[in-house]
N, C-alpha and C. Protein backbone atom coordinates (compact mmCIF):
# COMPACT_ATOMS: atom_id res chain seq x y z
N MET A 1 0.78 -1.16 0.07
CA MET A 1 -0.03 -0.04 0.03
C MET A 1 0.86 1.25 -0.03
N LYS A 2 0.31 2.39 -0.44
CA LYS A 2 0.95 3.67 -0.34
C LYS A 2 0.26 4.47 0.78
N ILE A 3 1.16 4.90 1.71
CA ILE A 3 0.77 5.53 2.92
C ILE A 3 1.52 6.77 3.13
N ALA A 4 0.77 7.92 3.37
CA ALA A 4 1.33 9.19 3.57
C ALA A 4 1.23 9.49 5.17
N VAL A 5 2.26 9.90 5.71
CA VAL A 5 2.25 10.16 7.26
C VAL A 5 2.56 11.70 7.47
N PHE A 6 1.61 12.39 7.83
CA PHE A 6 1.86 13.74 8.30
C PHE A 6 2.29 13.80 9.74
N GLY A 7 3.17 14.67 10.15
CA GLY A 7 3.97 14.52 11.50
C GLY A 7 4.76 13.44 11.57
N ALA A 8 5.45 12.92 10.44
CA ALA A 8 6.31 11.89 10.50
C ALA A 8 7.62 11.95 11.31
N ALA A 9 7.93 13.19 11.71
CA ALA A 9 9.13 13.55 12.47
C ALA A 9 8.85 13.34 13.97
N GLY A 10 7.60 13.18 14.33
CA GLY A 10 7.33 13.17 15.88
C GLY A 10 7.60 11.80 16.43
N ARG A 11 7.39 11.75 17.75
CA ARG A 11 7.79 10.36 18.41
C ARG A 11 6.87 9.28 17.85
N ILE A 12 5.60 9.53 17.75
CA ILE A 12 4.73 8.49 17.34
C ILE A 12 4.66 8.48 15.73
N GLY A 13 4.66 9.47 15.12
CA GLY A 13 4.73 9.52 13.65
C GLY A 13 5.90 8.83 13.13
N SER A 14 7.13 9.02 13.59
CA SER A 14 8.29 8.26 13.30
C SER A 14 8.05 6.83 13.39
N ARG A 15 7.50 6.41 14.42
CA ARG A 15 7.42 4.84 14.63
C ARG A 15 6.40 4.32 13.68
N ILE A 16 5.17 5.05 13.31
CA ILE A 16 4.46 4.67 12.34
C ILE A 16 5.06 4.46 10.99
N VAL A 17 5.81 5.33 10.66
CA VAL A 17 6.64 5.39 9.35
C VAL A 17 7.39 4.04 9.28
N LYS A 18 8.18 3.75 10.35
CA LYS A 18 9.04 2.55 10.30
C LYS A 18 8.32 1.30 10.37
N GLU A 19 7.22 1.30 11.14
CA GLU A 19 6.29 0.05 11.20
C GLU A 19 5.77 -0.26 9.74
N ALA A 20 5.27 0.84 9.11
CA ALA A 20 4.79 0.61 7.75
C ALA A 20 5.88 0.16 6.73
N LEU A 21 7.00 0.69 6.86
CA LEU A 21 8.23 0.29 6.04
C LEU A 21 8.69 -1.04 6.19
N ASN A 22 8.55 -1.40 7.51
CA ASN A 22 9.10 -2.94 7.90
C ASN A 22 7.89 -3.85 7.34
N ARG A 23 6.78 -3.38 7.09
CA ARG A 23 5.77 -4.27 6.57
C ARG A 23 5.74 -4.30 5.01
N GLY A 24 6.51 -3.52 4.44
CA GLY A 24 6.65 -3.60 3.05
C GLY A 24 5.92 -2.53 2.28
N HIS A 25 5.40 -1.60 2.98
CA HIS A 25 4.59 -0.53 2.44
C HIS A 25 5.46 0.68 1.92
N ASP A 26 4.91 1.45 0.90
CA ASP A 26 5.53 2.56 0.38
C ASP A 26 5.10 3.81 1.15
N VAL A 27 5.99 4.45 1.83
CA VAL A 27 5.64 5.50 2.75
C VAL A 27 6.13 6.88 2.18
N THR A 28 5.32 7.88 2.33
CA THR A 28 5.58 9.21 2.15
C THR A 28 5.62 9.98 3.58
N ALA A 29 6.66 10.47 3.98
CA ALA A 29 6.90 11.16 5.19
C ALA A 29 6.66 12.62 4.93
N ILE A 30 5.62 13.22 5.47
CA ILE A 30 5.44 14.68 5.13
C ILE A 30 5.78 15.44 6.42
N VAL A 31 6.67 16.38 6.29
CA VAL A 31 7.21 17.09 7.54
C VAL A 31 7.45 18.63 7.01
N ARG A 32 7.45 19.43 8.01
CA ARG A 32 7.73 20.82 7.57
C ARG A 32 9.08 21.09 7.15
N ARG A 33 10.12 20.39 7.65
CA ARG A 33 11.54 20.56 7.33
C ARG A 33 12.13 19.20 6.94
N PRO A 34 11.91 18.87 5.69
CA PRO A 34 12.41 17.66 5.18
C PRO A 34 13.88 17.51 5.26
N GLU A 35 14.64 18.60 5.07
CA GLU A 35 16.16 18.57 5.11
C GLU A 35 16.61 18.09 6.47
N GLU A 36 15.85 18.06 7.56
CA GLU A 36 16.16 17.66 8.83
C GLU A 36 15.76 16.22 9.15
N TYR A 37 14.99 15.70 8.21
CA TYR A 37 14.46 14.27 8.38
C TYR A 37 15.56 13.34 7.96
N ALA A 38 16.09 12.53 8.79
CA ALA A 38 17.39 11.69 8.66
C ALA A 38 17.23 10.25 8.17
N TYR A 39 15.82 9.91 8.44
CA TYR A 39 15.67 8.42 8.13
C TYR A 39 15.71 8.01 6.61
N ILE A 40 16.38 7.13 6.17
CA ILE A 40 16.49 6.70 4.82
C ILE A 40 16.05 5.37 4.64
N HIS A 41 15.22 5.03 3.39
CA HIS A 41 14.83 3.75 3.24
C HIS A 41 14.43 3.60 1.75
N ASP A 42 14.62 2.52 1.07
CA ASP A 42 14.24 2.44 -0.42
C ASP A 42 12.79 2.80 -0.72
N HIS A 43 11.89 2.43 0.36
CA HIS A 43 10.45 2.67 0.02
C HIS A 43 9.98 3.95 0.71
N LEU A 44 10.92 4.80 1.05
CA LEU A 44 10.47 6.03 1.78
C LEU A 44 10.71 7.29 0.91
N LYS A 45 9.70 8.09 0.80
CA LYS A 45 9.85 9.36 0.22
C LYS A 45 9.71 10.58 1.35
N VAL A 46 10.31 11.59 1.21
CA VAL A 46 10.22 12.62 2.26
C VAL A 46 9.85 13.86 1.53
N ALA A 47 8.70 14.52 1.83
CA ALA A 47 8.07 15.67 1.21
C ALA A 47 7.80 16.76 2.28
N LYS A 48 7.73 17.89 1.73
CA LYS A 48 7.44 19.09 2.74
C LYS A 48 5.94 19.29 2.55
N GLY A 49 5.35 19.60 3.74
CA GLY A 49 3.96 19.86 3.77
C GLY A 49 3.52 20.49 5.19
N ASP A 50 2.49 21.30 5.12
CA ASP A 50 1.88 21.84 6.28
C ASP A 50 0.49 21.54 6.45
N LEU A 51 0.12 20.79 7.58
CA LEU A 51 -1.20 20.30 7.76
C LEU A 51 -2.20 21.48 7.89
N PHE A 52 -1.78 22.63 8.04
CA PHE A 52 -2.66 23.75 8.20
C PHE A 52 -3.20 24.27 6.88
N ARG A 53 -2.55 23.76 5.75
CA ARG A 53 -2.80 24.18 4.49
C ARG A 53 -3.57 23.08 3.74
N ALA A 54 -4.86 23.14 3.29
CA ALA A 54 -5.59 22.20 2.63
C ALA A 54 -4.93 21.71 1.38
N GLN A 55 -4.27 22.75 0.67
CA GLN A 55 -3.59 22.41 -0.59
C GLN A 55 -2.45 21.57 -0.35
N ASP A 56 -1.62 21.72 0.74
CA ASP A 56 -0.56 20.87 1.17
C ASP A 56 -1.03 19.54 1.48
N VAL A 57 -2.18 19.33 2.13
CA VAL A 57 -2.71 18.11 2.48
C VAL A 57 -3.19 17.39 1.18
N GLU A 58 -3.70 18.16 0.22
CA GLU A 58 -4.21 17.61 -1.13
C GLU A 58 -2.97 16.90 -1.75
N THR A 59 -1.84 17.71 -1.69
CA THR A 59 -0.59 17.41 -2.38
C THR A 59 -0.09 16.09 -1.88
N GLY A 60 0.10 16.11 -0.67
CA GLY A 60 0.58 14.95 0.16
C GLY A 60 -0.10 13.74 -0.03
N ALA A 61 -1.39 13.90 -0.02
CA ALA A 61 -2.34 12.77 -0.07
C ALA A 61 -2.66 12.16 -1.38
N PHE A 62 -2.25 13.00 -2.47
CA PHE A 62 -2.51 12.53 -3.74
C PHE A 62 -2.01 11.09 -4.17
N ASP A 63 -2.80 10.27 -4.66
CA ASP A 63 -2.47 8.94 -5.13
C ASP A 63 -2.12 8.04 -3.91
N GLN A 64 -2.36 8.32 -2.79
CA GLN A 64 -2.10 7.51 -1.61
C GLN A 64 -3.26 6.55 -1.29
N ASP A 65 -3.09 5.38 -0.81
CA ASP A 65 -4.13 4.39 -0.32
C ASP A 65 -4.65 4.85 1.06
N ALA A 66 -3.85 5.44 1.94
CA ALA A 66 -4.25 5.88 3.25
C ALA A 66 -3.32 7.09 3.69
N VAL A 67 -3.93 7.86 4.59
CA VAL A 67 -3.21 8.91 5.12
C VAL A 67 -3.29 8.98 6.65
N VAL A 68 -2.22 9.11 7.24
CA VAL A 68 -2.16 9.11 8.76
C VAL A 68 -1.79 10.57 9.19
N SER A 69 -2.57 10.96 10.16
CA SER A 69 -2.16 12.37 10.89
C SER A 69 -1.64 12.06 12.16
N ALA A 70 -0.36 12.34 12.37
CA ALA A 70 0.16 12.10 13.65
C ALA A 70 0.61 13.50 14.20
N TYR A 71 -0.21 14.43 13.89
CA TYR A 71 0.13 15.88 14.39
C TYR A 71 0.20 16.12 15.89
N SER A 72 1.28 16.61 16.28
CA SER A 72 1.48 17.01 17.73
C SER A 72 2.10 18.29 17.75
N PRO A 73 1.49 19.36 18.43
CA PRO A 73 2.07 20.69 18.30
C PRO A 73 3.17 20.74 19.18
N PRO A 74 4.25 21.58 18.70
CA PRO A 74 5.47 21.88 19.56
C PRO A 74 4.90 22.66 20.81
N LYS A 75 5.80 22.78 21.62
CA LYS A 75 5.58 23.47 23.03
C LYS A 75 5.23 24.94 22.92
N ASP A 76 5.63 25.56 21.83
CA ASP A 76 5.30 27.05 21.48
C ASP A 76 4.07 27.19 20.75
N ILE A 77 3.30 26.13 20.31
CA ILE A 77 2.12 26.12 19.62
C ILE A 77 0.94 25.63 20.44
N PRO A 78 -0.18 26.40 20.51
CA PRO A 78 -1.32 26.12 21.44
C PRO A 78 -1.83 24.64 21.17
N ALA A 79 -2.21 23.99 22.23
CA ALA A 79 -2.78 22.57 22.05
C ALA A 79 -4.02 22.56 21.19
N SER A 80 -4.84 23.75 21.19
CA SER A 80 -6.09 23.88 20.47
C SER A 80 -5.83 23.67 19.00
N THR A 81 -4.60 23.65 18.46
CA THR A 81 -4.44 23.40 17.00
C THR A 81 -4.61 22.00 16.73
N ILE A 82 -4.68 21.07 17.59
CA ILE A 82 -5.05 19.73 17.34
C ILE A 82 -6.37 19.62 16.80
N ALA A 83 -7.37 20.48 17.29
CA ALA A 83 -8.57 20.35 16.77
C ALA A 83 -8.75 21.21 15.36
N GLU A 84 -8.03 22.34 15.49
CA GLU A 84 -8.07 23.25 14.26
C GLU A 84 -7.63 22.60 12.95
N VAL A 85 -6.62 21.65 13.09
CA VAL A 85 -6.02 21.08 11.90
C VAL A 85 -7.03 20.13 11.27
N ALA A 86 -8.07 19.72 11.91
CA ALA A 86 -8.92 18.70 11.33
C ALA A 86 -9.64 19.30 10.22
N VAL A 87 -9.96 20.61 10.09
CA VAL A 87 -10.64 21.27 9.04
C VAL A 87 -9.80 21.15 7.74
N PRO A 88 -8.67 21.68 7.66
CA PRO A 88 -7.86 21.53 6.47
C PRO A 88 -7.50 20.12 6.07
N LEU A 89 -7.33 19.28 7.12
CA LEU A 89 -7.07 17.82 6.80
C LEU A 89 -8.21 17.13 6.17
N ILE A 90 -9.31 17.34 6.61
CA ILE A 90 -10.54 16.81 5.87
C ILE A 90 -10.76 17.27 4.50
N LYS A 91 -10.56 18.71 4.34
CA LYS A 91 -10.80 19.28 3.08
C LYS A 91 -9.71 18.99 2.13
N GLY A 92 -8.46 18.73 2.47
CA GLY A 92 -7.36 18.24 1.58
C GLY A 92 -7.62 16.94 1.08
N LEU A 93 -7.96 15.93 1.90
CA LEU A 93 -8.13 14.60 1.57
C LEU A 93 -9.30 14.44 0.59
N LYS A 94 -10.45 15.25 0.81
CA LYS A 94 -11.43 15.31 -0.22
C LYS A 94 -11.08 15.82 -1.57
N GLN A 95 -10.12 16.91 -1.51
CA GLN A 95 -9.67 17.43 -2.80
C GLN A 95 -8.84 16.38 -3.44
N ALA A 96 -8.17 15.53 -2.79
CA ALA A 96 -7.17 14.47 -3.29
C ALA A 96 -7.84 13.31 -3.69
N HIS A 97 -9.24 13.06 -3.34
CA HIS A 97 -10.07 11.84 -3.53
C HIS A 97 -9.48 10.75 -2.90
N VAL A 98 -9.03 10.97 -1.68
CA VAL A 98 -8.54 9.87 -0.85
C VAL A 98 -9.46 9.65 0.38
N LYS A 99 -10.04 8.57 0.64
CA LYS A 99 -10.91 8.38 1.61
C LYS A 99 -10.45 7.89 2.97
N ARG A 100 -9.36 7.09 3.00
CA ARG A 100 -8.91 6.51 4.20
C ARG A 100 -7.98 7.41 5.04
N LEU A 101 -8.48 7.60 6.28
CA LEU A 101 -7.72 8.60 7.16
C LEU A 101 -7.59 7.94 8.48
N ILE A 102 -6.43 7.91 9.05
CA ILE A 102 -6.06 7.51 10.45
C ILE A 102 -5.57 8.74 11.22
N VAL A 103 -6.17 9.07 12.38
CA VAL A 103 -5.75 9.98 13.15
C VAL A 103 -5.22 9.53 14.42
N VAL A 104 -4.03 10.05 14.82
CA VAL A 104 -3.58 9.69 16.20
C VAL A 104 -4.34 10.56 17.20
N GLY A 105 -5.19 9.94 17.96
CA GLY A 105 -5.91 10.71 18.97
C GLY A 105 -5.35 10.57 20.36
N GLY A 106 -6.15 11.00 21.31
CA GLY A 106 -5.87 11.16 22.72
C GLY A 106 -6.51 10.20 23.53
N ALA A 107 -6.08 9.94 24.85
CA ALA A 107 -6.85 8.98 25.75
C ALA A 107 -7.94 9.59 26.44
N GLY A 108 -7.89 10.91 26.56
CA GLY A 108 -8.81 11.75 27.32
C GLY A 108 -10.20 11.44 26.97
N SER A 109 -10.42 11.34 25.68
CA SER A 109 -11.82 11.14 25.26
C SER A 109 -12.40 9.78 25.31
N LEU A 110 -11.70 8.90 25.83
CA LEU A 110 -12.13 7.45 26.12
C LEU A 110 -13.05 7.47 27.42
N TYR A 111 -14.03 6.62 27.22
CA TYR A 111 -15.03 6.51 28.43
C TYR A 111 -14.40 5.63 29.42
N VAL A 112 -14.61 5.96 30.79
CA VAL A 112 -14.18 5.18 31.88
C VAL A 112 -15.41 4.71 32.63
N GLU A 113 -16.59 5.24 32.41
CA GLU A 113 -17.90 4.86 33.02
C GLU A 113 -18.88 5.55 32.17
N PRO A 114 -20.23 5.01 32.14
CA PRO A 114 -21.20 5.59 31.30
C PRO A 114 -21.39 7.14 31.41
N GLY A 115 -21.17 7.78 30.30
CA GLY A 115 -21.40 9.18 30.32
C GLY A 115 -20.13 10.00 30.81
N LYS A 116 -19.08 9.31 31.19
CA LYS A 116 -17.83 10.01 31.86
C LYS A 116 -16.61 9.60 31.09
N GLN A 117 -16.05 10.62 30.42
CA GLN A 117 -14.64 10.27 29.77
C GLN A 117 -13.56 10.52 30.78
N LEU A 118 -12.39 9.97 30.41
CA LEU A 118 -11.17 10.09 31.16
C LEU A 118 -10.82 11.48 31.60
N ILE A 119 -11.03 12.34 30.61
CA ILE A 119 -10.55 13.88 30.98
C ILE A 119 -11.37 14.46 32.05
N ASP A 120 -12.62 13.87 32.23
CA ASP A 120 -13.58 14.53 33.23
C ASP A 120 -13.28 14.00 34.69
N MET A 121 -12.53 12.93 34.77
CA MET A 121 -12.46 12.39 36.04
C MET A 121 -11.42 13.30 36.96
N PRO A 122 -11.71 13.38 38.24
CA PRO A 122 -10.94 14.27 39.03
C PRO A 122 -9.43 14.06 39.13
N PHE A 123 -9.05 12.74 38.92
CA PHE A 123 -7.62 12.35 38.87
C PHE A 123 -6.91 12.66 37.68
N PHE A 124 -7.53 13.26 36.63
CA PHE A 124 -6.93 13.45 35.48
C PHE A 124 -5.86 14.53 35.49
N PRO A 125 -4.64 14.36 35.20
CA PRO A 125 -3.54 15.44 35.45
C PRO A 125 -3.91 16.66 34.70
N GLU A 126 -3.79 17.72 35.54
CA GLU A 126 -4.16 19.12 35.03
C GLU A 126 -3.19 19.55 33.67
N GLU A 127 -1.94 19.17 33.83
CA GLU A 127 -1.04 19.62 32.78
C GLU A 127 -1.33 19.09 31.51
N TYR A 128 -2.20 18.04 31.44
CA TYR A 128 -2.59 17.32 30.20
C TYR A 128 -3.96 17.66 29.72
N LYS A 129 -4.65 18.46 30.35
CA LYS A 129 -6.02 18.69 30.13
C LYS A 129 -6.20 19.44 28.77
N SER A 130 -5.47 20.56 28.51
CA SER A 130 -5.64 21.31 27.26
C SER A 130 -5.32 20.51 26.08
N THR A 131 -4.42 19.50 26.05
CA THR A 131 -4.13 18.69 24.96
C THR A 131 -5.28 17.68 24.77
N ALA A 132 -5.68 17.12 25.94
CA ALA A 132 -6.84 16.17 25.87
C ALA A 132 -8.17 16.72 25.32
N GLU A 133 -8.37 17.92 25.83
CA GLU A 133 -9.57 18.69 25.44
C GLU A 133 -9.50 18.90 23.87
N ALA A 134 -8.32 19.33 23.39
CA ALA A 134 -8.21 19.55 21.93
C ALA A 134 -8.44 18.32 21.16
N HIS A 135 -7.97 17.15 21.67
CA HIS A 135 -8.20 15.86 20.97
C HIS A 135 -9.64 15.54 21.02
N ARG A 136 -10.41 15.81 22.22
CA ARG A 136 -11.77 15.62 22.30
C ARG A 136 -12.70 16.32 21.25
N GLN A 137 -12.21 17.69 21.02
CA GLN A 137 -12.92 18.56 20.16
C GLN A 137 -12.63 17.98 18.74
N ALA A 138 -11.39 17.66 18.46
CA ALA A 138 -11.11 17.20 17.16
C ALA A 138 -11.93 15.95 16.71
N LEU A 139 -12.13 15.13 17.69
CA LEU A 139 -12.91 13.92 17.53
C LEU A 139 -14.24 14.17 17.14
N LYS A 140 -14.83 15.20 17.60
CA LYS A 140 -16.17 15.68 17.23
C LYS A 140 -16.25 16.16 15.73
N PHE A 141 -15.27 16.79 15.31
CA PHE A 141 -15.11 17.14 13.78
C PHE A 141 -15.20 15.77 13.06
N TYR A 142 -14.32 14.78 13.31
CA TYR A 142 -14.32 13.60 12.59
C TYR A 142 -15.59 12.83 12.60
N MET A 143 -16.21 12.85 13.82
CA MET A 143 -17.51 12.04 14.09
C MET A 143 -18.74 12.67 13.17
N ALA A 144 -18.44 14.00 12.74
CA ALA A 144 -19.53 14.48 11.96
C ALA A 144 -19.23 14.40 10.43
N GLU A 145 -17.98 13.81 10.14
CA GLU A 145 -17.61 13.64 8.81
C GLU A 145 -18.19 12.22 8.23
N GLN A 146 -18.90 12.38 7.16
CA GLN A 146 -19.70 11.22 6.55
C GLN A 146 -19.02 10.70 5.32
N ASP A 147 -18.13 11.45 4.59
CA ASP A 147 -17.58 11.01 3.35
C ASP A 147 -16.38 10.31 3.48
N LEU A 148 -15.46 10.52 4.47
CA LEU A 148 -14.18 9.85 4.59
C LEU A 148 -14.36 8.66 5.39
N ASP A 149 -13.45 7.73 5.22
CA ASP A 149 -13.43 6.57 5.94
C ASP A 149 -12.36 6.69 7.04
N TRP A 150 -12.68 7.45 8.09
CA TRP A 150 -11.77 7.83 9.04
C TRP A 150 -11.75 6.83 10.29
N THR A 151 -10.63 6.96 11.00
CA THR A 151 -10.50 6.17 12.33
C THR A 151 -9.61 7.08 13.17
N VAL A 152 -10.19 7.29 14.44
CA VAL A 152 -9.37 7.98 15.36
C VAL A 152 -8.82 6.78 16.38
N ILE A 153 -7.47 6.82 16.49
CA ILE A 153 -7.05 5.72 17.27
C ILE A 153 -6.40 6.43 18.62
N SER A 154 -7.04 6.19 19.75
CA SER A 154 -6.67 6.67 20.96
C SER A 154 -5.73 5.68 21.70
N PRO A 155 -4.66 6.12 22.19
CA PRO A 155 -3.74 5.23 23.08
C PRO A 155 -4.37 4.87 24.33
N ALA A 156 -3.76 4.21 25.16
CA ALA A 156 -4.01 3.81 26.52
C ALA A 156 -3.70 5.15 27.24
N ALA A 157 -4.09 5.14 28.57
CA ALA A 157 -3.81 6.51 29.51
C ALA A 157 -2.42 6.74 29.38
N GLU A 158 -1.47 5.90 29.35
CA GLU A 158 -0.05 6.07 29.34
C GLU A 158 0.60 5.52 28.12
N ILE A 159 1.32 6.21 27.42
CA ILE A 159 2.04 5.75 26.24
C ILE A 159 3.42 6.34 26.24
N GLU A 160 4.49 5.41 26.09
CA GLU A 160 5.84 5.77 26.26
C GLU A 160 6.58 4.89 25.23
N PRO A 161 7.89 5.37 24.82
CA PRO A 161 8.77 4.52 24.06
C PRO A 161 9.06 3.20 24.83
N GLY A 162 9.23 2.13 24.06
CA GLY A 162 9.43 0.80 24.50
C GLY A 162 9.71 -0.27 23.51
N ASP A 163 9.23 -1.40 23.88
CA ASP A 163 9.46 -2.59 22.95
C ASP A 163 8.22 -2.76 22.09
N ARG A 164 8.42 -3.32 20.92
CA ARG A 164 7.39 -3.80 20.11
C ARG A 164 7.14 -5.26 20.33
N THR A 165 5.99 -5.60 21.00
CA THR A 165 5.85 -6.91 21.26
C THR A 165 4.79 -7.53 20.30
N GLY A 166 3.89 -6.73 19.61
CA GLY A 166 3.01 -7.27 18.80
C GLY A 166 1.79 -7.85 19.44
N VAL A 167 1.82 -7.83 20.84
CA VAL A 167 0.70 -8.37 21.54
C VAL A 167 -0.06 -7.38 22.41
N PHE A 168 -1.27 -7.06 22.04
CA PHE A 168 -1.98 -6.07 22.71
C PHE A 168 -3.36 -6.25 22.39
N ARG A 169 -4.28 -5.47 23.23
CA ARG A 169 -5.67 -5.55 22.90
C ARG A 169 -6.11 -4.23 22.20
N THR A 170 -7.20 -4.49 21.50
CA THR A 170 -7.86 -3.20 20.91
C THR A 170 -9.41 -3.07 21.39
N GLY A 171 -9.96 -2.01 21.36
CA GLY A 171 -11.22 -1.79 21.62
C GLY A 171 -11.85 -0.64 21.10
N GLY A 172 -13.07 -0.16 21.44
CA GLY A 172 -13.77 0.87 20.88
C GLY A 172 -13.37 2.19 21.59
N ASN A 173 -14.40 2.86 22.21
CA ASN A 173 -14.23 4.08 22.87
C ASN A 173 -14.11 4.01 24.36
N GLN A 174 -13.88 2.90 24.90
CA GLN A 174 -13.71 2.81 26.32
C GLN A 174 -12.35 2.35 26.76
N LEU A 175 -11.79 3.03 27.75
CA LEU A 175 -10.50 2.91 28.32
C LEU A 175 -10.25 1.42 28.63
N LEU A 176 -9.09 0.92 28.21
CA LEU A 176 -8.65 -0.40 28.44
C LEU A 176 -7.66 -0.55 29.56
N LYS A 177 -7.93 -1.43 30.50
CA LYS A 177 -6.88 -1.61 31.57
C LYS A 177 -6.53 -3.10 31.68
N ASP A 178 -5.25 -3.30 32.28
CA ASP A 178 -4.85 -4.55 32.44
C ASP A 178 -5.34 -5.15 33.76
N GLY A 179 -4.89 -6.30 34.16
CA GLY A 179 -5.37 -6.89 35.35
C GLY A 179 -4.94 -6.21 36.66
N ASN A 180 -3.97 -5.44 36.47
CA ASN A 180 -3.44 -4.54 37.74
C ASN A 180 -4.05 -3.13 37.74
N GLY A 181 -5.08 -2.86 36.85
CA GLY A 181 -5.77 -1.51 36.68
C GLY A 181 -5.01 -0.63 35.92
N GLN A 182 -3.77 -0.90 35.29
CA GLN A 182 -3.00 0.06 34.52
C GLN A 182 -3.45 0.06 32.97
N SER A 183 -3.38 1.16 32.61
CA SER A 183 -3.70 1.45 31.09
C SER A 183 -2.47 2.00 30.38
N PHE A 184 -1.71 1.09 29.67
CA PHE A 184 -0.41 1.52 29.03
C PHE A 184 -0.27 0.74 27.79
N ILE A 185 0.39 1.41 26.90
CA ILE A 185 0.91 0.83 25.63
C ILE A 185 2.27 1.55 25.18
N THR A 186 3.14 0.80 24.57
CA THR A 186 4.33 1.44 24.09
C THR A 186 3.99 2.15 22.65
N MET A 187 4.87 3.02 22.37
CA MET A 187 4.65 3.79 21.05
C MET A 187 4.76 2.79 19.99
N GLU A 188 5.73 1.89 20.19
CA GLU A 188 5.99 0.83 19.10
C GLU A 188 4.97 -0.09 18.76
N ASP A 189 4.12 -0.54 19.97
CA ASP A 189 2.92 -1.31 19.79
C ASP A 189 1.76 -0.46 19.33
N TYR A 190 1.56 0.80 19.74
CA TYR A 190 0.60 1.59 19.02
C TYR A 190 0.77 1.70 17.69
N ALA A 191 2.01 1.91 17.19
CA ALA A 191 2.32 1.97 15.71
C ALA A 191 1.79 0.71 14.94
N ALA A 192 2.15 -0.34 15.67
CA ALA A 192 1.67 -1.74 15.11
C ALA A 192 0.12 -1.77 14.93
N ALA A 193 -0.56 -1.26 15.92
CA ALA A 193 -2.08 -1.22 15.91
C ALA A 193 -2.58 -0.26 14.77
N VAL A 194 -1.85 0.81 14.64
CA VAL A 194 -2.11 1.69 13.45
C VAL A 194 -2.12 0.91 12.10
N LEU A 195 -1.04 0.22 11.96
CA LEU A 195 -0.82 -0.47 10.66
C LEU A 195 -1.74 -1.68 10.54
N ASP A 196 -2.05 -2.31 11.67
CA ASP A 196 -3.06 -3.36 11.59
C ASP A 196 -4.43 -2.87 11.16
N GLU A 197 -4.84 -1.64 11.69
CA GLU A 197 -6.19 -0.96 11.27
C GLU A 197 -6.10 -0.52 9.77
N ILE A 198 -4.94 -0.11 9.27
CA ILE A 198 -4.86 0.29 7.95
C ILE A 198 -4.99 -1.04 7.02
N GLU A 199 -4.29 -2.07 7.39
CA GLU A 199 -4.30 -3.19 6.47
C GLU A 199 -5.73 -3.98 6.55
N LYS A 200 -6.23 -4.00 7.79
CA LYS A 200 -7.57 -4.81 8.00
C LYS A 200 -8.48 -3.97 8.78
N PRO A 201 -9.13 -2.93 8.08
CA PRO A 201 -9.97 -2.02 8.86
C PRO A 201 -11.01 -2.74 9.79
N GLN A 202 -11.15 -2.24 10.89
CA GLN A 202 -12.06 -2.80 11.88
C GLN A 202 -13.02 -1.59 12.58
N HIS A 203 -12.67 -0.38 12.28
CA HIS A 203 -13.25 0.79 13.08
C HIS A 203 -13.42 1.81 12.09
N ILE A 204 -13.92 1.61 10.80
CA ILE A 204 -14.31 2.72 10.00
C ILE A 204 -15.35 3.63 10.50
N LYS A 205 -15.06 4.92 10.50
CA LYS A 205 -15.99 6.01 10.90
C LYS A 205 -16.21 5.81 12.35
N GLY A 206 -15.08 5.55 13.13
CA GLY A 206 -15.15 5.32 14.61
C GLY A 206 -13.91 5.56 15.37
N GLN A 207 -14.10 5.60 16.65
CA GLN A 207 -12.83 5.68 17.58
C GLN A 207 -12.46 4.23 18.07
N MET A 208 -11.26 4.06 18.17
CA MET A 208 -10.70 2.78 18.68
C MET A 208 -9.59 3.00 19.65
N THR A 209 -9.12 2.08 20.34
CA THR A 209 -8.06 2.33 21.35
C THR A 209 -7.23 0.97 21.44
N VAL A 210 -6.06 1.09 22.04
CA VAL A 210 -5.21 0.03 22.12
C VAL A 210 -4.38 -0.11 23.34
N ALA A 211 -4.34 -1.05 24.12
CA ALA A 211 -3.55 -1.17 25.39
C ALA A 211 -3.21 -2.58 25.63
N TYR A 212 -2.31 -2.79 26.70
CA TYR A 212 -2.08 -4.18 27.11
C TYR A 212 -3.20 -4.71 27.98
């Protein structure tokens, strides 16, 4: 398959790129500064693009089988841009006539009990609330989208660099925990779950999650 990854230089985006290449896909890594993107592979192309410009999205998405948005704002950029970027992203894909979209989401919008999302719980860390709220607002944009075959993939409550085990659970919009009450996934296994969903879609027009 031909897969374009926006935000390919980020911690999660870079792992999605490598996972896709390891599976034999042709990948286009779309970044703001391609001259700084050091990863080299026979099936990898590096292109310049800005997710905030629908025309750039259209150009990057053209002739691709699937597009991944792994956008994560730098520290000097407001977290609210996570939601704002949904508009040019959706518009650009439609202009490129590409329907399959995978979005790296947040865990805050996952439900922990009926009617209550993780972000609304009193123990949710204050320092992550603005980012979690932006992901929740972005999800609303995608949920209203009827033409694209989108999937928002929310990680476990905790996600960190680690090993790729290939052994994990997936679910819908409810937070997954292990037998010890922990909700965790490595970025490497998260990337594996992203590629699983691209190759064998199970959550078209929906939210999914992945955890141990």
